[in-house]
Amino acid sequence: MERCNILIAGTLASGASALTDLLREYENVNVINDEFDDFRAPGLVGDQLNILSSIDYPDSIEQIIRMQSIKGRLIYKSRIWKLLNRLLPKTLWVRQFESRYIEYFKKYLVRLNQINLLENLHEELRSDISYEEKIQNANTWINDVSGLFSYEKEFTLFDQPILPWSDIEIWPRVFEPFKMIYVYRNPKDQMAEIISRGILFQPFRSPFLNYTQVNVMSIYGKDRKAMLKFQKDALLNRMENLKDLKEKISDERLMLVDFDNLVCDYDKCKTSVENFIGLRSTSHKYAKDYFNPENARQRSISIYKDYLSEEELQDFDELERAYFYLKTCSDSNKME
């Protein structure tokens, strides 16, 4: 059967994972485990299909295949190896741990199958075939991934599978047929989320000096004020790119969702998302098992007061103008 691919994207700590959790509650939606990097990461499929960027980015697919194959995962002490090695002897006969092992094994098995499909595509991308054939093969690859162990599902959800502003001439063809939902958020709460999750100083989490750290420091510095400026500029650029994306992708294929609407006007926003994707409300069998709007409201709305000082809050004018512009053209604000 032909499936529709649901692409979920966000502007970093925007609440895209909340929408993913909501869609996980539908019985006919297959959610790919974790964020899907096989297309968007440097040197992977997107770059190999982009003739210009492939000059600068070496082919990294072989490295991914080697590291994440069965042999590679065991050699490099995968998480499942560590988990079983540490916990299994202690909990072998405790039933409450059985579902955890089974679920983790299922994810592991799916990932190994994804690697096999990626390896097959890699051979095709390196072969002497036309560019159009490579695009078609990449599209077949995505739809094979979407069908892994979910043959009866009508939709497959990919979490953060693309950099929407990059490879705009490529990814719509690779992920066809698709519906894309882009989640944005009140920038003050978004910055507070970035701080609370420890992302603010992300370029400097490593104790070893690298080129990225040097470049960021040479432009911004590295104290809190500098990192706030760095994150604000990055967020503003994402929001500007989102406006451009809205002009390039039709309304039938791209929906903008304000996270505040998803949380504070849950029922109407949920209905709007269902209508856009083509989901039946009757397939929402596990309502609020993964996403509870009441809990999200308490944890996520107006949290900026706890993380940003009055002085820091004064410098959000440009971001707020971009945010309110998005609200004027957002599909989640045009709900019936």
C-alpha atoms as a PDB file:
ATOM      1  CA  MET A   1       0.000   0.000   0.000  1.00  0.00           C
ATOM      2  CA  GLU A   2       1.114   3.579  -0.582  1.00  0.00           C
ATOM      3  CA  ARG A   3       1.761   5.393   2.658  1.00  0.00           C
ATOM      4  CA  CYS A   4       1.911   9.091   3.339  1.00  0.00           C
ATOM      5  CA  ASN A   5       5.065  10.239   5.100  1.00  0.00           C
ATOM      6  CA  ILE A   6       4.520  12.739   7.907  1.00  0.00           C
ATOM      7  CA  LEU A   7       7.535  15.009   8.367  1.00  0.00           C
ATOM      8  CA  ILE A   8       7.769  16.805  11.715  1.00  0.00           C
ATOM      9  CA  ALA A   9      10.184  19.717  12.047  1.00  0.00           C
ATOM     10  CA  GLY A  10      10.749  22.461  14.600  1.00  0.00           C
ATOM     11  CA  THR A  11      12.860  25.501  15.386  1.00  0.00           C
ATOM     12  CA  LEU A  12      14.821  23.880  18.279  1.00  0.00           C
ATOM     13  CA  ALA A  13      13.033  23.355  21.605  1.00  0.00           C
ATOM     14  CA  SER A  14       9.851  24.483  19.869  1.00  0.00           C
ATOM     15  CA  GLY A  15       7.657  21.568  20.966  1.00  0.00           C
ATOM     16  CA  ALA A  16       7.912  19.408  17.834  1.00  0.00           C
ATOM     17  CA  SER A  17       8.406  16.335  20.027  1.00  0.00           C
ATOM     18  CA  ALA A  18       5.038  17.071  21.671  1.00  0.00           C
ATOM     19  CA  LEU A  19       3.330  16.882  18.286  1.00  0.00           C
ATOM     20  CA  THR A  20       5.192  13.657  17.554  1.00  0.00           C
ATOM     21  CA  ASP A  21       3.907  12.232  20.834  1.00  0.00           C
ATOM     22  CA  LEU A  22       0.372  13.284  19.951  1.00  0.00           C
ATOM     23  CA  LEU A  23       0.527  11.530  16.579  1.00  0.00           C
ATOM     24  CA  ARG A  24       2.023   8.467  18.257  1.00  0.00           C
ATOM     25  CA  GLU A  25      -1.411   7.981  19.842  1.00  0.00           C
ATOM     26  CA  TYR A  26      -3.051   7.150  16.473  1.00  0.00           C
ATOM     27  CA  GLU A  27      -3.297   3.462  15.669  1.00  0.00           C
ATOM     28  CA  ASN A  28      -2.595   3.940  11.943  1.00  0.00           C
ATOM     29  CA  VAL A  29       0.563   6.069  12.381  1.00  0.00           C
ATOM     30  CA  ASN A  30       3.943   4.355  12.475  1.00  0.00           C
ATOM     31  CA  VAL A  31       6.516   6.546  14.268  1.00  0.00           C
ATOM     32  CA  ILE A  32      10.134   5.967  13.268  1.00  0.00           C
ATOM     33  CA  ASN A  33      12.289   5.615  16.393  1.00  0.00           C
ATOM     34  CA  ASP A  34      14.275   8.682  17.455  1.00  0.00           C
ATOM     35  CA  GLU A  35      15.182  11.571  15.164  1.00  0.00           C
ATOM     36  CA  PHE A  36      15.827  10.393  11.613  1.00  0.00           C
ATOM     37  CA  ASP A  37      19.320  11.547  10.603  1.00  0.00           C
ATOM     38  CA  ASP A  38      20.081   9.279   7.651  1.00  0.00           C
ATOM     39  CA  PHE A  39      19.063  11.938   5.130  1.00  0.00           C
ATOM     40  CA  ARG A  40      19.926  15.258   6.810  1.00  0.00           C
ATOM     41  CA  ALA A  41      23.224  14.634   8.644  1.00  0.00           C
ATOM     42  CA  PRO A  42      26.466  15.898   7.013  1.00  0.00           C
ATOM     43  CA  GLY A  43      27.788  13.546   4.370  1.00  0.00           C
ATOM     44  CA  LEU A  44      24.693  11.336   4.316  1.00  0.00           C
ATOM     45  CA  VAL A  45      22.003  10.890   1.677  1.00  0.00           C
ATOM     46  CA  GLY A  46      20.981  14.543   1.266  1.00  0.00           C
ATOM     47  CA  ASP A  47      24.557  15.653   0.695  1.00  0.00           C
ATOM     48  CA  GLN A  48      25.250  12.780  -1.675  1.00  0.00           C
ATOM     49  CA  LEU A  49      22.271  13.850  -3.781  1.00  0.00           C
ATOM     50  CA  ASN A  50      23.264  17.519  -3.678  1.00  0.00           C
ATOM     51  CA  ILE A  51      25.903  17.905  -6.359  1.00  0.00           C
ATOM     52  CA  LEU A  52      27.252  21.129  -4.865  1.00  0.00           C
ATOM     53  CA  SER A  53      27.510  20.086  -1.212  1.00  0.00           C
ATOM     54  CA  SER A  54      28.882  16.649  -2.098  1.00  0.00           C
ATOM     55  CA  ILE A  55      32.058  18.429  -3.178  1.00  0.00           C
ATOM     56  CA  ASP A  56      32.617  19.685   0.374  1.00  0.00           C
ATOM     57  CA  TYR A  57      31.122  16.847   2.399  1.00  0.00           C
ATOM     58  CA  PRO A  58      32.838  13.472   2.078  1.00  0.00           C
ATOM     59  CA  ASP A  59      30.701  10.359   1.832  1.00  0.00           C
ATOM     60  CA  SER A  60      29.895   9.452   5.459  1.00  0.00           C
ATOM     61  CA  ILE A  61      27.443   6.663   4.726  1.00  0.00           C
ATOM     62  CA  GLU A  62      30.087   3.949   4.924  1.00  0.00           C
ATOM     63  CA  GLN A  63      31.078   5.123   8.408  1.00  0.00           C
ATOM     64  CA  ILE A  64      27.459   4.983   9.608  1.00  0.00           C
ATOM     65  CA  ILE A  65      27.027   1.505   8.155  1.00  0.00           C
ATOM     66  CA  ARG A  66      30.228   0.286   9.780  1.00  0.00           C
ATOM     67  CA  MET A  67      29.470   1.788  13.199  1.00  0.00           C
ATOM     68  CA  GLN A  68      25.831   0.693  13.349  1.00  0.00           C
ATOM     69  CA  SER A  69      25.995  -2.756  11.795  1.00  0.00           C
ATOM     70  CA  ILE A  70      25.595  -5.734  14.133  1.00  0.00           C
ATOM     71  CA  LYS A  71      29.352  -6.239  14.294  1.00  0.00           C
ATOM     72  CA  GLY A  72      30.079  -2.552  14.710  1.00  0.00           C
ATOM     73  CA  ARG A  73      27.462  -2.018  17.411  1.00  0.00           C
ATOM     74  CA  LEU A  74      28.877  -4.859  19.480  1.00  0.00           C
ATOM     75  CA  ILE A  75      32.482  -3.782  18.986  1.00  0.00           C
ATOM     76  CA  TYR A  76      31.762  -0.222  19.999  1.00  0.00           C
ATOM     77  CA  LYS A  77      29.711  -1.233  23.020  1.00  0.00           C
ATOM     78  CA  SER A  78      26.229  -0.171  21.962  1.00  0.00           C
ATOM     79  CA  ARG A  79      23.617   0.966  24.458  1.00  0.00           C
ATOM     80  CA  ILE A  80      21.792  -2.357  24.261  1.00  0.00           C
ATOM     81  CA  TRP A  81      25.087  -4.155  25.034  1.00  0.00           C
ATOM     82  CA  LYS A  82      25.668  -1.957  28.080  1.00  0.00           C
ATOM     83  CA  LEU A  83      22.061  -2.236  29.213  1.00  0.00           C
ATOM     84  CA  LEU A  84      21.970  -6.013  29.034  1.00  0.00           C
ATOM     85  CA  ASN A  85      25.429  -6.357  30.540  1.00  0.00           C
ATOM     86  CA  ARG A  86      24.502  -4.174  33.502  1.00  0.00           C
ATOM     87  CA  LEU A  87      20.878  -5.077  34.206  1.00  0.00           C
ATOM     88  CA  LEU A  88      20.077  -8.517  32.835  1.00  0.00           C
ATOM     89  CA  PRO A  89      21.810 -10.637  35.510  1.00  0.00           C
ATOM     90  CA  LYS A  90      19.976  -8.734  38.236  1.00  0.00           C
ATOM     91  CA  THR A  91      16.534  -8.765  36.662  1.00  0.00           C
ATOM     92  CA  LEU A  92      16.451 -12.004  34.698  1.00  0.00           C
ATOM     93  CA  TRP A  93      13.394 -13.270  36.571  1.00  0.00           C
ATOM     94  CA  VAL A  94      11.662  -9.962  37.249  1.00  0.00           C
ATOM     95  CA  ARG A  95       8.670  -9.660  34.950  1.00  0.00           C
ATOM     96  CA  GLN A  96       8.408  -5.881  35.258  1.00  0.00           C
ATOM     97  CA  PHE A  97      11.587  -5.529  33.174  1.00  0.00           C
ATOM     98  CA  GLU A  98      10.529  -7.870  30.365  1.00  0.00           C
ATOM     99  CA  SER A  99       8.646  -5.254  28.333  1.00  0.00           C
ATOM    100  CA  ARG A 100      11.627  -2.893  28.511  1.00  0.00           C
ATOM    101  CA  TYR A 101      13.954  -5.478  26.974  1.00  0.00           C
ATOM    102  CA  ILE A 102      11.442  -6.479  24.320  1.00  0.00           C
ATOM    103  CA  GLU A 103      10.787  -2.870  23.318  1.00  0.00           C
ATOM    104  CA  TYR A 104      14.469  -2.042  23.168  1.00  0.00           C
ATOM    105  CA  PHE A 105      15.166  -5.127  21.088  1.00  0.00           C
ATOM    106  CA  LYS A 106      12.420  -4.146  18.650  1.00  0.00           C
ATOM    107  CA  LYS A 107      13.985  -0.698  18.202  1.00  0.00           C
ATOM    108  CA  TYR A 108      17.381  -2.304  17.742  1.00  0.00           C
ATOM    109  CA  LEU A 109      16.015  -4.675  15.115  1.00  0.00           C
ATOM    110  CA  VAL A 110      14.325  -1.836  13.227  1.00  0.00           C
ATOM    111  CA  ARG A 111      17.561   0.160  13.204  1.00  0.00           C
ATOM    112  CA  LEU A 112      19.534  -2.774  11.839  1.00  0.00           C
ATOM    113  CA  ASN A 113      17.022  -3.104   9.017  1.00  0.00           C
ATOM    114  CA  GLN A 114      17.306   0.635   8.353  1.00  0.00           C
ATOM    115  CA  ILE A 115      21.068   0.202   8.067  1.00  0.00           C
ATOM    116  CA  ASN A 116      20.620  -2.623   5.562  1.00  0.00           C
ATOM    117  CA  LEU A 117      18.364  -0.429   3.422  1.00  0.00           C
ATOM    118  CA  LEU A 118      20.837   2.456   3.689  1.00  0.00           C
ATOM    119  CA  GLU A 119      23.650   0.167   2.564  1.00  0.00           C
ATOM    120  CA  ASN A 120      21.654  -0.911  -0.498  1.00  0.00           C
ATOM    121  CA  LEU A 121      20.924   2.725  -1.376  1.00  0.00           C
ATOM    122  CA  HIS A 122      24.584   3.619  -0.916  1.00  0.00           C
ATOM    123  CA  GLU A 123      25.590   1.122  -3.571  1.00  0.00           C
ATOM    124  CA  GLU A 124      23.040   2.626  -5.951  1.00  0.00           C
ATOM    125  CA  LEU A 125      24.204   6.194  -5.278  1.00  0.00           C
ATOM    126  CA  ARG A 126      27.787   5.204  -6.092  1.00  0.00           C
ATOM    127  CA  SER A 127      26.821   3.351  -9.258  1.00  0.00           C
ATOM    128  CA  ASP A 128      26.952   4.805 -12.768  1.00  0.00           C
ATOM    129  CA  ILE A 129      23.269   5.697 -13.085  1.00  0.00           C
ATOM    130  CA  SER A 130      21.568   8.983 -13.913  1.00  0.00           C
ATOM    131  CA  TYR A 131      20.772  11.618 -11.308  1.00  0.00           C
ATOM    132  CA  GLU A 132      17.045  11.074 -11.800  1.00  0.00           C
ATOM    133  CA  GLU A 133      17.485   7.377 -11.094  1.00  0.00           C
ATOM    134  CA  LYS A 134      19.340   8.223  -7.879  1.00  0.00           C
ATOM    135  CA  ILE A 135      16.442  10.434  -6.774  1.00  0.00           C
ATOM    136  CA  GLN A 136      13.976   7.650  -7.562  1.00  0.00           C
ATOM    137  CA  ASN A 137      16.076   5.129  -5.668  1.00  0.00           C
ATOM    138  CA  ALA A 138      16.251   7.470  -2.669  1.00  0.00           C
ATOM    139  CA  ASN A 139      12.465   7.797  -2.760  1.00  0.00           C
ATOM    140  CA  THR A 140      12.130   4.008  -2.850  1.00  0.00           C
ATOM    141  CA  TRP A 141      14.541   3.829   0.114  1.00  0.00           C
ATOM    142  CA  ILE A 142      12.426   6.202   2.221  1.00  0.00           C
ATOM    143  CA  ASN A 143       9.235   4.321   1.458  1.00  0.00           C
ATOM    144  CA  ASP A 144      10.948   1.008   2.268  1.00  0.00           C
ATOM    145  CA  VAL A 145      12.039   2.480   5.606  1.00  0.00           C
ATOM    146  CA  SER A 146       8.509   3.688   6.268  1.00  0.00           C
ATOM    147  CA  GLY A 147       7.156   0.174   5.728  1.00  0.00           C
ATOM    148  CA  LEU A 148       9.497  -1.661   8.078  1.00  0.00           C
ATOM    149  CA  PHE A 149       7.374  -3.836  10.407  1.00  0.00           C
ATOM    150  CA  SER A 150       4.338  -1.613   9.800  1.00  0.00           C
ATOM    151  CA  TYR A 151       2.776  -2.944   6.643  1.00  0.00           C
ATOM    152  CA  GLU A 152      -0.757  -2.202   7.806  1.00  0.00           C
ATOM    153  CA  LYS A 153      -0.124   1.443   8.745  1.00  0.00           C
ATOM    154  CA  GLU A 154      -1.400   4.239   6.526  1.00  0.00           C
ATOM    155  CA  PHE A 155       1.090   6.869   7.724  1.00  0.00           C
ATOM    156  CA  THR A 156       4.740   6.898   8.765  1.00  0.00           C
ATOM    157  CA  LEU A 157       6.097   9.718  10.889  1.00  0.00           C
ATOM    158  CA  PHE A 158       9.699  10.893  10.539  1.00  0.00           C
ATOM    159  CA  ASP A 159      10.870  13.113  13.399  1.00  0.00           C
ATOM    160  CA  GLN A 160      13.252  15.897  12.264  1.00  0.00           C
ATOM    161  CA  PRO A 161      14.275  14.071   9.054  1.00  0.00           C
ATOM    162  CA  ILE A 162      15.385  17.173   7.144  1.00  0.00           C
ATOM    163  CA  LEU A 163      16.848  20.638   7.486  1.00  0.00           C
ATOM    164  CA  PRO A 164      13.849  22.317   5.802  1.00  0.00           C
ATOM    165  CA  TRP A 165      15.822  25.283   4.468  1.00  0.00           C
ATOM    166  CA  SER A 166      18.486  23.006   2.952  1.00  0.00           C
ATOM    167  CA  ASP A 167      18.195  20.785  -0.132  1.00  0.00           C
ATOM    168  CA  ILE A 168      14.786  22.298  -0.886  1.00  0.00           C
ATOM    169  CA  GLU A 169      14.956  20.968  -4.458  1.00  0.00           C
ATOM    170  CA  ILE A 170      15.752  17.460  -3.233  1.00  0.00           C
ATOM    171  CA  TRP A 171      13.958  16.402  -0.041  1.00  0.00           C
ATOM    172  CA  PRO A 172      10.361  16.960  -1.311  1.00  0.00           C
ATOM    173  CA  ARG A 173      11.083  14.444  -4.077  1.00  0.00           C
ATOM    174  CA  VAL A 174      12.809  11.957  -1.792  1.00  0.00           C
ATOM    175  CA  PHE A 175      10.038  11.935   0.836  1.00  0.00           C
ATOM    176  CA  GLU A 176       7.145  11.933  -1.639  1.00  0.00           C
ATOM    177  CA  PRO A 177       4.280  11.481  -0.792  1.00  0.00           C
ATOM    178  CA  PHE A 178       4.518  13.664   2.311  1.00  0.00           C
ATOM    179  CA  LYS A 179       2.748  16.058   4.614  1.00  0.00           C
ATOM    180  CA  MET A 180       5.036  18.336   6.600  1.00  0.00           C
ATOM    181  CA  ILE A 181       4.199  20.041   9.907  1.00  0.00           C
ATOM    182  CA  TYR A 182       6.528  22.725  11.229  1.00  0.00           C
ATOM    183  CA  VAL A 183       6.159  23.633  14.912  1.00  0.00           C
ATOM    184  CA  TYR A 184       7.156  27.061  16.194  1.00  0.00           C
ATOM    185  CA  ARG A 185       6.769  28.676  19.599  1.00  0.00           C
ATOM    186  CA  ASN A 186       6.719  31.854  21.680  1.00  0.00           C
ATOM    187  CA  PRO A 187      10.443  32.776  21.542  1.00  0.00           C
ATOM    188  CA  LYS A 188      10.675  33.709  25.244  1.00  0.00           C
ATOM    189  CA  ASP A 189       9.437  30.308  26.358  1.00  0.00           C
ATOM    190  CA  GLN A 190      11.551  28.704  23.649  1.00  0.00           C
ATOM    191  CA  MET A 191      14.695  30.362  24.986  1.00  0.00           C
ATOM    192  CA  ALA A 192      13.743  29.313  28.504  1.00  0.00           C
ATOM    193  CA  GLU A 193      13.430  25.739  27.258  1.00  0.00           C
ATOM    194  CA  ILE A 194      16.857  25.976  25.647  1.00  0.00           C
ATOM    195  CA  ILE A 195      18.290  27.099  28.986  1.00  0.00           C
ATOM    196  CA  SER A 196      16.464  24.466  31.035  1.00  0.00           C
ATOM    197  CA  ARG A 197      17.635  21.656  28.741  1.00  0.00           C
ATOM    198  CA  GLY A 198      21.268  22.737  28.902  1.00  0.00           C
ATOM    199  CA  ILE A 199      21.428  23.684  25.221  1.00  0.00           C
ATOM    200  CA  LEU A 200      22.422  27.312  25.794  1.00  0.00           C
ATOM    201  CA  PHE A 201      26.137  26.506  26.084  1.00  0.00           C
ATOM    202  CA  GLN A 202      25.980  23.579  23.667  1.00  0.00           C
ATOM    203  CA  PRO A 203      28.970  24.691  21.530  1.00  0.00           C
ATOM    204  CA  PHE A 204      31.113  24.507  24.665  1.00  0.00           C
ATOM    205  CA  ARG A 205      29.910  21.258  26.216  1.00  0.00           C
ATOM    206  CA  SER A 206      33.084  19.539  25.053  1.00  0.00           C
ATOM    207  CA  PRO A 207      36.212  20.330  27.109  1.00  0.00           C
ATOM    208  CA  PHE A 208      38.353  20.027  23.981  1.00  0.00           C
ATOM    209  CA  LEU A 209      38.772  23.144  21.867  1.00  0.00           C
ATOM    210  CA  ASN A 210      37.545  22.725  18.312  1.00  0.00           C
ATOM    211  CA  TYR A 211      36.977  24.956  15.289  1.00  0.00           C
ATOM    212  CA  THR A 212      33.291  25.443  16.064  1.00  0.00           C
ATOM    213  CA  GLN A 213      34.068  26.747  19.545  1.00  0.00           C
ATOM    214  CA  VAL A 214      36.779  29.070  18.252  1.00  0.00           C
ATOM    215  CA  ASN A 215      34.522  30.477  15.534  1.00  0.00           C
ATOM    216  CA  VAL A 216      31.605  31.040  17.901  1.00  0.00           C
ATOM    217  CA  MET A 217      33.854  32.699  20.493  1.00  0.00           C
ATOM    218  CA  SER A 218      35.443  34.963  17.893  1.00  0.00           C
ATOM    219  CA  ILE A 219      32.000  36.263  16.875  1.00  0.00           C
ATOM    220  CA  TYR A 220      29.964  36.177  20.089  1.00  0.00           C
ATOM    221  CA  GLY A 221      32.193  35.390  23.065  1.00  0.00           C
ATOM    222  CA  LYS A 222      31.214  32.584  25.420  1.00  0.00           C
ATOM    223  CA  ASP A 223      29.503  33.980  28.522  1.00  0.00           C
ATOM    224  CA  ARG A 224      25.741  33.792  29.124  1.00  0.00           C
ATOM    225  CA  LYS A 225      25.001  37.092  27.382  1.00  0.00           C
ATOM    226  CA  ALA A 226      27.003  35.986  24.351  1.00  0.00           C
ATOM    227  CA  MET A 227      25.302  32.603  24.187  1.00  0.00           C
ATOM    228  CA  LEU A 228      21.859  34.181  24.447  1.00  0.00           C
ATOM    229  CA  LYS A 229      22.748  36.384  21.476  1.00  0.00           C
ATOM    230  CA  PHE A 230      24.043  33.368  19.564  1.00  0.00           C
ATOM    231  CA  GLN A 231      20.871  31.349  20.209  1.00  0.00           C
ATOM    232  CA  LYS A 232      18.618  34.320  19.393  1.00  0.00           C
ATOM    233  CA  ASP A 233      20.330  34.891  16.057  1.00  0.00           C
ATOM    234  CA  ALA A 234      20.079  31.201  15.211  1.00  0.00           C
ATOM    235  CA  LEU A 235      16.393  31.112  16.192  1.00  0.00           C
ATOM    236  CA  LEU A 236      15.614  34.260  14.203  1.00  0.00           C
ATOM    237  CA  ASN A 237      17.283  32.760  11.141  1.00  0.00           C
ATOM    238  CA  ARG A 238      15.179  29.597  11.499  1.00  0.00           C
ATOM    239  CA  MET A 239      12.004  31.660  11.720  1.00  0.00           C
ATOM    240  CA  GLU A 240      12.983  33.672   8.653  1.00  0.00           C
ATOM    241  CA  ASN A 241      13.680  30.449   6.781  1.00  0.00           C
ATOM    242  CA  LEU A 242      10.278  29.180   7.843  1.00  0.00           C
ATOM    243  CA  LYS A 243       8.636  32.160   6.151  1.00  0.00           C
ATOM    244  CA  ASP A 244      10.535  31.358   2.943  1.00  0.00           C
ATOM    245  CA  LEU A 245       9.555  27.697   3.202  1.00  0.00           C
ATOM    246  CA  LYS A 246       5.905  28.655   3.429  1.00  0.00           C
ATOM    247  CA  GLU A 247       6.233  30.390   0.077  1.00  0.00           C
ATOM    248  CA  LYS A 248       7.886  27.399  -1.624  1.00  0.00           C
ATOM    249  CA  ILE A 249       5.771  24.497  -0.313  1.00  0.00           C
ATOM    250  CA  SER A 250       2.045  24.481  -0.995  1.00  0.00           C
ATOM    251  CA  ASP A 251      -0.545  24.713   1.781  1.00  0.00           C
ATOM    252  CA  GLU A 252      -1.697  21.192   0.914  1.00  0.00           C
ATOM    253  CA  ARG A 253       1.726  19.853   1.944  1.00  0.00           C
ATOM    254  CA  LEU A 254       2.959  22.229   4.654  1.00  0.00           C
ATOM    255  CA  MET A 255       1.249  23.192   7.903  1.00  0.00           C
ATOM    256  CA  LEU A 256       2.541  25.600  10.545  1.00  0.00           C
ATOM    257  CA  VAL A 257       1.542  24.843  14.127  1.00  0.00           C
ATOM    258  CA  ASP A 258       1.961  27.207  17.054  1.00  0.00           C
ATOM    259  CA  PHE A 259       2.943  25.143  20.103  1.00  0.00           C
ATOM    260  CA  ASP A 260       0.872  27.437  22.340  1.00  0.00           C
ATOM    261  CA  ASN A 261      -2.219  26.540  20.300  1.00  0.00           C
ATOM    262  CA  LEU A 262      -1.433  22.840  20.560  1.00  0.00           C
ATOM    263  CA  VAL A 263      -1.271  23.091  24.345  1.00  0.00           C
ATOM    264  CA  CYS A 264      -3.886  25.744  25.148  1.00  0.00           C
ATOM    265  CA  ASP A 265      -6.441  24.992  22.418  1.00  0.00           C
ATOM    266  CA  TYR A 266      -5.807  21.272  22.215  1.00  0.00           C
ATOM    267  CA  ASP A 267      -9.072  19.953  20.763  1.00  0.00           C
ATOM    268  CA  LYS A 268      -9.308  22.470  17.921  1.00  0.00           C
ATOM    269  CA  CYS A 269      -5.627  22.187  17.067  1.00  0.00           C
ATOM    270  CA  LYS A 270      -5.804  18.385  17.108  1.00  0.00           C
ATOM    271  CA  THR A 271      -8.763  18.486  14.719  1.00  0.00           C
ATOM    272  CA  SER A 272      -6.883  20.872  12.440  1.00  0.00           C
ATOM    273  CA  VAL A 273      -3.869  18.519  12.357  1.00  0.00           C
ATOM    274  CA  GLU A 274      -6.130  15.528  11.640  1.00  0.00           C
ATOM    275  CA  ASN A 275      -7.803  17.338   8.734  1.00  0.00           C
ATOM    276  CA  PHE A 276      -4.471  18.397   7.271  1.00  0.00           C
ATOM    277  CA  ILE A 277      -2.921  14.924   7.380  1.00  0.00           C
ATOM    278  CA  GLY A 278      -6.089  12.999   6.566  1.00  0.00           C
ATOM    279  CA  LEU A 279      -6.327  11.180   9.878  1.00  0.00           C
ATOM    280  CA  ARG A 280      -9.629   9.846  11.133  1.00  0.00           C
ATOM    281  CA  SER A 281     -10.471  10.986  14.649  1.00  0.00           C
ATOM    282  CA  THR A 282     -11.663   7.429  15.358  1.00  0.00           C
ATOM    283  CA  SER A 283      -8.074   6.196  14.956  1.00  0.00           C
ATOM    284  CA  HIS A 284      -7.001   8.255  18.002  1.00  0.00           C
ATOM    285  CA  LYS A 285      -7.116   5.157  20.193  1.00  0.00           C
ATOM    286  CA  TYR A 286      -4.558   6.115  22.840  1.00  0.00           C
ATOM    287  CA  ALA A 287      -5.592   9.676  23.638  1.00  0.00           C
ATOM    288  CA  LYS A 288      -3.261  11.436  26.107  1.00  0.00           C
ATOM    289  CA  ASP A 289      -1.147   8.332  26.680  1.00  0.00           C
ATOM    290  CA  TYR A 290       1.912  10.123  25.277  1.00  0.00           C
ATOM    291  CA  PHE A 291       0.928  13.797  25.153  1.00  0.00           C
ATOM    292  CA  ASN A 292      -1.165  15.396  27.879  1.00  0.00           C
ATOM    293  CA  PRO A 293      -1.885  19.077  27.150  1.00  0.00           C
ATOM    294  CA  GLU A 294      -2.682  19.867  30.780  1.00  0.00           C
ATOM    295  CA  ASN A 295       0.739  18.667  31.913  1.00  0.00           C
ATOM    296  CA  ALA A 296       2.414  20.432  28.996  1.00  0.00           C
ATOM    297  CA  ARG A 297       0.698  23.704  29.888  1.00  0.00           C
ATOM    298  CA  GLN A 298       2.076  23.600  33.403  1.00  0.00           C
ATOM    299  CA  ARG A 299       5.604  22.748  32.267  1.00  0.00           C
ATOM    300  CA  SER A 300       5.892  24.808  29.099  1.00  0.00           C
ATOM    301  CA  ILE A 301       3.746  27.954  29.036  1.00  0.00           C
ATOM    302  CA  SER A 302       5.135  31.224  30.465  1.00  0.00           C
ATOM    303  CA  ILE A 303       8.191  29.461  31.844  1.00  0.00           C
ATOM    304  CA  TYR A 304      10.429  32.314  30.693  1.00  0.00           C
ATOM    305  CA  LYS A 305       9.787  34.079  34.014  1.00  0.00           C
ATOM    306  CA  ASP A 306      11.795  31.383  35.783  1.00  0.00           C
ATOM    307  CA  TYR A 307      14.807  31.455  33.456  1.00  0.00           C
ATOM    308  CA  LEU A 308      15.240  34.964  32.036  1.00  0.00           C
ATOM    309  CA  SER A 309      15.935  38.185  33.908  1.00  0.00           C
ATOM    310  CA  GLU A 310      14.049  41.426  33.264  1.00  0.00           C
ATOM    311  CA  GLU A 311      17.100  42.794  31.482  1.00  0.00           C
ATOM    312  CA  GLU A 312      17.352  39.741  29.232  1.00  0.00           C
ATOM    313  CA  LEU A 313      13.644  39.883  28.390  1.00  0.00           C
ATOM    314  CA  GLN A 314      14.003  43.383  26.951  1.00  0.00           C
ATOM    315  CA  ASP A 315      15.939  42.135  23.929  1.00  0.00           C
ATOM    316  CA  PHE A 316      13.315  39.948  22.246  1.00  0.00           C
ATOM    317  CA  ASP A 317      11.606  42.536  20.022  1.00  0.00           C
ATOM    318  CA  GLU A 318      12.892  41.199  16.705  1.00  0.00           C
ATOM    319  CA  LEU A 319      12.111  37.605  17.622  1.00  0.00           C
ATOM    320  CA  GLU A 320       8.624  38.505  18.793  1.00  0.00           C
ATOM    321  CA  ARG A 321       7.903  40.358  15.540  1.00  0.00           C
ATOM    322  CA  ALA A 322       8.914  37.244  13.597  1.00  0.00           C
ATOM    323  CA  TYR A 323       6.793  35.091  15.889  1.00  0.00           C
ATOM    324  CA  PHE A 324       3.656  37.210  15.479  1.00  0.00           C
ATOM    325  CA  TYR A 325       4.178  37.310  11.734  1.00  0.00           C
ATOM    326  CA  LEU A 326       4.166  33.502  11.700  1.00  0.00           C
ATOM    327  CA  LYS A 327       0.986  33.508  13.763  1.00  0.00           C
ATOM    328  CA  THR A 328      -0.763  35.582  11.098  1.00  0.00           C
ATOM    329  CA  CYS A 329      -0.100  32.951   8.449  1.00  0.00           C
ATOM    330  CA  SER A 330      -0.155  29.865  10.678  1.00  0.00           C
ATOM    331  CA  ASP A 331      -2.568  27.094   9.762  1.00  0.00           C
ATOM    332  CA  SER A 332      -3.157  26.321  13.428  1.00  0.00           C
ATOM    333  CA  ASN A 333      -4.611  29.834  13.822  1.00  0.00           C
ATOM    334  CA  LYS A 334      -7.089  29.265  11.009  1.00  0.00           C
ATOM    335  CA  MET A 335      -8.972  26.440  12.663  1.00  0.00           C
ATOM    336  CA  GLU A 336     -12.690  26.144  12.077  1.00  0.00           C
END
